[in-house]
Amino acid sequence: MGLKALIGLIGLMWVSEIADMLLGHHLDGYGIQARETEGLLGIAFAPFLHAGFGHLISNTIPLLMLGAIIAVAGAARLLLVTGLIALVSGLGTWLTSPPGSVTIGASGVVFGYASYLIARGIFSRSLGQLLIGLVVILVWGGALLGGLLPQAGISWQGHLFGAIGGVLTAGLLSDGRRRQPTVPGYRY
């Protein structure tokens, strides 16, 4: 069910971009408008809005790859992780983006998925999850670091707060199975 939810989210992004194209790109105005009260609605809409199909494709591929790993835990986990990351990414972007800017796209969620998968292994101390995190670093590490550098027309704020949202989400959803060494005579 998790993979169906992921396909549904990505499908909604594609439907939204087709509708946006047919409407003359007027939907993009519903993105995150920095420090404007009505711009808060953009926190919910921005991940589904993109600046063209090239932008959408560049987010779809990592969303599918990283999201599929998270989706293995089920639809509820995927949707919870996605929602928490989108909320942190969106609020951070809303608070720190330049005045008058409108931010759209799912790259905050992409960065959040990546940092969630990395941090999840650290919080759970599960060897399998640590290995997944290591693979994410090896495959996506350069892109993640590069995406945090300020570039014209790209929201490093969305990337940064998406990554922060991923780490916070991993900590919040950690099952707390911390493996402590046991030493006879000591209590923990």
Protein backbone atom coordinates (compact mmCIF):
# COMPACT_ATOMS: atom_id res chain seq x y z
CA MET A 1 0.00 0.00 0.00
CA GLY A 2 2.91 2.33 0.61
CA LEU A 3 4.02 2.20 -3.02
CA LYS A 4 0.45 2.94 -4.15
CA ALA A 5 0.42 6.01 -1.89
CA LEU A 6 3.76 7.15 -3.31
CA ILE A 7 2.55 6.69 -6.89
CA GLY A 8 -0.61 8.60 -5.93
CA LEU A 9 1.40 11.55 -4.56
CA ILE A 10 3.64 11.69 -7.61
CA GLY A 11 0.64 11.24 -9.91
CA LEU A 12 -1.03 14.23 -8.25
CA MET A 13 2.12 16.27 -8.97
CA TRP A 14 1.93 15.33 -12.65
CA VAL A 15 -1.80 16.07 -12.88
CA SER A 16 -1.20 19.43 -11.17
CA GLU A 17 1.56 20.33 -13.65
CA ILE A 18 -0.62 19.41 -16.63
CA ALA A 19 -3.47 21.51 -15.20
CA ASP A 20 -1.02 24.36 -14.50
CA MET A 21 0.22 24.26 -18.10
CA LEU A 22 -3.36 24.31 -19.43
CA LEU A 23 -4.18 27.26 -17.15
CA GLY A 24 -1.21 29.35 -18.29
CA HIS A 25 0.92 28.55 -15.21
CA HIS A 26 -1.46 30.41 -12.89
CA LEU A 27 -1.39 27.64 -10.26
CA ASP A 28 2.26 28.41 -9.48
CA GLY A 29 1.07 31.50 -7.63
CA TYR A 30 -0.27 29.18 -4.94
CA GLY A 31 3.25 28.29 -3.81
CA ILE A 32 4.86 29.46 -0.58
CA GLN A 33 4.78 33.27 -0.50
CA ALA A 34 7.45 34.38 1.94
CA ARG A 35 6.05 35.87 5.15
CA GLU A 36 2.61 36.55 3.63
CA THR A 37 -0.32 35.15 5.62
CA GLU A 38 -1.99 33.77 2.50
CA GLY A 39 1.38 32.29 1.56
CA LEU A 40 1.00 29.78 4.40
CA LEU A 41 -1.45 27.83 2.21
CA GLY A 42 1.48 27.29 -0.13
CA ILE A 43 3.01 24.95 2.43
CA ALA A 44 0.36 22.40 1.43
CA PHE A 45 0.34 23.22 -2.30
CA ALA A 46 4.00 23.91 -3.14
CA PRO A 47 5.18 20.27 -3.30
CA PHE A 48 2.58 19.62 -6.02
CA LEU A 49 3.50 22.65 -8.13
CA HIS A 50 6.54 22.80 -10.42
CA ALA A 51 8.16 25.27 -12.81
CA GLY A 52 7.64 23.06 -15.85
CA PHE A 53 8.09 19.41 -16.70
CA GLY A 54 11.90 19.51 -16.44
CA HIS A 55 11.58 20.62 -12.81
CA LEU A 56 8.96 17.96 -12.17
CA ILE A 57 11.08 15.19 -13.70
CA SER A 58 14.11 16.26 -11.64
CA ASN A 59 12.00 15.78 -8.50
CA THR A 60 10.10 12.68 -9.64
CA ILE A 61 13.15 10.43 -9.99
CA PRO A 62 14.54 10.90 -6.45
CA LEU A 63 11.02 10.95 -4.98
CA LEU A 64 10.40 7.52 -6.51
CA MET A 65 13.73 6.07 -5.45
CA LEU A 66 13.89 7.46 -1.91
CA GLY A 67 10.15 7.33 -1.34
CA ALA A 68 9.99 3.64 -2.30
CA ILE A 69 12.39 2.82 0.54
CA ILE A 70 10.18 4.68 3.01
CA ALA A 71 7.00 3.22 1.47
CA VAL A 72 8.12 -0.30 2.41
CA ALA A 73 6.98 0.58 5.96
CA GLY A 74 3.45 1.23 4.64
CA ALA A 75 1.25 4.02 3.39
CA ALA A 76 0.65 5.52 6.83
CA ARG A 77 4.39 5.83 7.50
CA LEU A 78 5.05 7.31 4.04
CA LEU A 79 2.25 9.88 4.39
CA LEU A 80 3.29 10.81 7.94
CA VAL A 81 6.95 11.24 6.94
CA THR A 82 5.95 13.25 3.86
CA GLY A 83 3.57 15.48 5.81
CA LEU A 84 6.01 16.25 8.61
CA ILE A 85 8.84 16.98 6.18
CA ALA A 86 6.62 19.18 4.00
CA LEU A 87 5.47 21.10 7.07
CA VAL A 88 8.99 21.80 8.38
CA SER A 89 10.32 22.56 4.91
CA GLY A 90 7.40 24.83 4.13
CA LEU A 91 7.48 26.77 7.39
CA GLY A 92 11.24 27.24 7.19
CA THR A 93 10.95 28.40 3.59
CA TRP A 94 8.08 30.75 4.44
CA LEU A 95 10.11 32.31 7.28
CA THR A 96 13.48 32.69 5.53
CA SER A 97 12.89 33.19 1.79
CA PRO A 98 13.39 36.64 0.29
CA PRO A 99 10.38 38.97 0.49
CA GLY A 100 8.10 38.77 -2.53
CA SER A 101 9.36 35.32 -3.53
CA VAL A 102 7.12 32.35 -4.31
CA THR A 103 8.60 28.88 -3.80
CA ILE A 104 7.26 25.80 -5.57
CA GLY A 105 8.39 22.21 -6.05
CA ALA A 106 8.93 18.99 -4.13
CA SER A 107 12.69 19.31 -3.66
CA GLY A 108 12.23 20.08 0.04
CA VAL A 109 10.49 16.71 0.34
CA VAL A 110 13.30 15.06 -1.66
CA PHE A 111 15.94 16.49 0.70
CA GLY A 112 13.76 15.47 3.63
CA TYR A 113 13.42 11.89 2.39
CA ALA A 114 17.19 11.64 1.98
CA SER A 115 18.02 13.05 5.41
CA TYR A 116 15.26 10.95 7.00
CA LEU A 117 16.77 7.77 5.56
CA ILE A 118 20.24 8.78 6.75
CA ALA A 119 19.12 9.85 10.23
CA ARG A 120 16.73 6.93 10.68
CA GLY A 121 19.66 4.54 10.81
CA ILE A 122 21.44 6.69 13.35
CA PHE A 123 18.42 6.97 15.65
CA SER A 124 17.46 3.30 15.42
CA ARG A 125 21.02 1.97 15.44
CA SER A 126 19.83 -0.70 13.04
CA LEU A 127 22.61 -2.02 10.82
CA GLY A 128 20.24 -2.40 7.87
CA GLN A 129 18.98 1.15 8.17
CA LEU A 130 22.52 2.46 8.67
CA LEU A 131 23.52 0.73 5.42
CA ILE A 132 20.56 2.30 3.61
CA GLY A 133 21.66 5.70 4.95
CA LEU A 134 25.21 5.07 3.73
CA VAL A 135 23.94 4.20 0.24
CA VAL A 136 21.84 7.39 0.22
CA ILE A 137 24.95 9.40 1.12
CA LEU A 138 27.02 7.68 -1.58
CA VAL A 139 24.38 8.12 -4.30
CA TRP A 140 22.86 11.48 -3.38
CA GLY A 141 25.45 13.13 -1.10
CA GLY A 142 26.99 15.42 -3.71
CA ALA A 143 23.60 16.58 -4.95
CA LEU A 144 22.44 17.17 -1.38
CA LEU A 145 25.43 19.32 -0.52
CA GLY A 146 25.27 21.17 -3.83
CA GLY A 147 21.57 21.91 -3.31
CA LEU A 148 22.34 23.78 -0.12
CA LEU A 149 24.47 26.35 -1.96
CA PRO A 150 22.65 29.55 -2.96
CA GLN A 151 21.84 29.57 -6.68
CA ALA A 152 19.65 31.96 -8.63
CA GLY A 153 16.09 30.69 -8.91
CA ILE A 154 16.62 27.71 -6.59
CA SER A 155 15.32 27.64 -3.03
CA TRP A 156 18.21 26.53 -0.87
CA GLN A 157 15.86 27.36 2.01
CA GLY A 158 13.44 24.64 0.92
CA HIS A 159 16.33 22.20 0.59
CA LEU A 160 17.83 23.07 3.98
CA PHE A 161 14.55 22.98 5.90
CA GLY A 162 13.51 19.82 4.07
CA ALA A 163 16.72 18.18 5.30
CA ILE A 164 16.11 19.49 8.80
CA GLY A 165 12.54 18.17 8.61
CA GLY A 166 13.85 14.73 7.62
CA VAL A 167 16.19 14.55 10.62
CA LEU A 168 13.47 15.79 13.00
CA THR A 169 11.00 13.29 11.57
CA ALA A 170 13.47 10.42 11.95
CA GLY A 171 14.01 11.37 15.59
CA LEU A 172 10.31 11.83 16.27
CA LEU A 173 9.34 8.51 14.69
CA SER A 174 12.25 6.54 16.12
CA ASP A 175 11.06 3.53 18.03
CA GLY A 176 13.72 4.13 20.68
CA ARG A 177 15.32 0.70 20.41
CA ARG A 178 18.68 2.01 21.47
CA ARG A 179 21.01 -0.87 21.97
CA GLN A 180 22.90 -0.35 25.19
CA PRO A 181 25.83 -2.51 26.17
CA THR A 182 25.01 -4.57 29.21
CA VAL A 183 27.59 -4.75 31.93
CA PRO A 184 26.95 -7.13 34.83
CA GLY A 185 26.12 -5.23 37.99
CA TYR A 186 25.15 -1.98 36.24
CA ARG A 187 21.66 -0.74 35.54
CA TYR A 188 20.75 1.65 32.80
